[in-house]
Protein backbone atom coordinates (compact mmCIF):
# COMPACT_ATOMS: atom_id res chain seq x y z
CA MET A 1 51.22 154.22 109.57
CA ASN A 2 52.06 154.54 113.22
CA SER A 3 53.15 158.11 113.30
CA ALA A 4 53.67 161.29 111.77
CA SER A 5 57.21 160.81 111.06
CA THR A 6 56.81 157.34 109.34
CA LEU A 7 54.11 159.44 106.94
CA MET A 8 56.47 162.01 106.37
CA TRP A 9 59.47 159.76 105.53
CA GLY A 10 57.12 157.77 103.37
CA VAL A 11 56.06 161.01 101.30
CA ILE A 12 59.89 161.87 101.07
CA PHE A 13 60.95 158.46 99.82
CA GLY A 14 57.96 158.21 97.62
CA SER A 15 58.81 161.61 95.87
CA ILE A 16 62.37 160.71 95.43
CA GLY A 17 61.16 157.35 93.97
CA LEU A 18 58.91 159.11 91.49
CA GLY A 19 61.89 160.94 90.10
CA PHE A 20 63.96 157.89 89.93
CA PHE A 21 61.04 156.26 88.14
CA VAL A 22 60.66 158.91 85.62
CA TYR A 23 64.38 159.22 85.04
CA GLY A 24 64.83 155.48 84.56
CA LYS A 25 61.89 155.21 82.33
CA LYS A 26 62.98 158.00 80.02
CA GLN A 27 66.52 157.17 79.90
CA LYS A 28 65.82 153.40 79.60
CA ALA A 29 67.96 152.79 82.68
CA ILE A 30 67.03 149.58 84.63
CA ILE A 31 68.56 150.40 87.99
CA PRO A 32 66.98 153.61 88.68
CA PHE A 33 63.64 152.46 87.24
CA PHE A 34 63.28 149.68 89.62
CA SER A 35 64.92 151.48 92.48
CA GLY A 36 62.20 154.09 91.97
CA ILE A 37 59.51 151.46 92.05
CA ALA A 38 60.96 150.08 95.29
CA LEU A 39 61.07 153.53 96.85
CA ILE A 40 57.33 154.10 96.03
CA ALA A 41 56.31 150.89 97.36
CA PHE A 42 58.45 149.98 100.43
CA PRO A 43 57.00 152.62 102.90
CA TYR A 44 53.64 150.90 102.97
CA PHE A 45 55.28 147.72 104.28
CA ILE A 46 57.83 149.00 106.92
CA SER A 47 56.38 150.79 110.19
CA ASN A 48 59.53 151.10 112.09
CA VAL A 49 60.98 154.48 111.49
CA TYR A 50 64.81 153.44 111.58
CA ILE A 51 64.39 150.48 109.35
CA LEU A 52 62.40 152.72 106.93
CA VAL A 53 65.02 155.38 106.84
CA LEU A 54 67.85 153.07 106.58
CA SER A 55 66.34 151.14 103.72
CA GLY A 56 65.29 154.29 102.08
CA ILE A 57 68.85 155.39 102.11
CA ILE A 58 70.35 152.41 100.79
CA LEU A 59 67.71 152.36 97.67
CA ILE A 60 68.44 155.94 96.98
CA LEU A 61 72.25 155.05 96.91
CA LEU A 62 71.74 151.90 94.91
CA PRO A 63 71.71 153.47 91.42
CA PHE A 64 74.95 155.48 92.19
CA PHE A 65 76.94 152.44 92.87
CA ILE A 66 75.51 149.76 90.41
CA LYS A 67 76.16 150.85 86.72
CA ILE A 68 74.39 148.39 84.07
């Protein structure tokens, strides 16, 4: 992690991802489940804050637009 802001955003997206993961597992909903896994994992690979926030927002909004 390069700065405190990337760490903060990583914690925020990771906690939202944990919520999606638990919801998807209990409801057997595949899109929130995998979106939660992606939200937990992706902050480890992205160090640019702007790309981190943009991709995090996209992953949060994904389950609301894709219904399976």
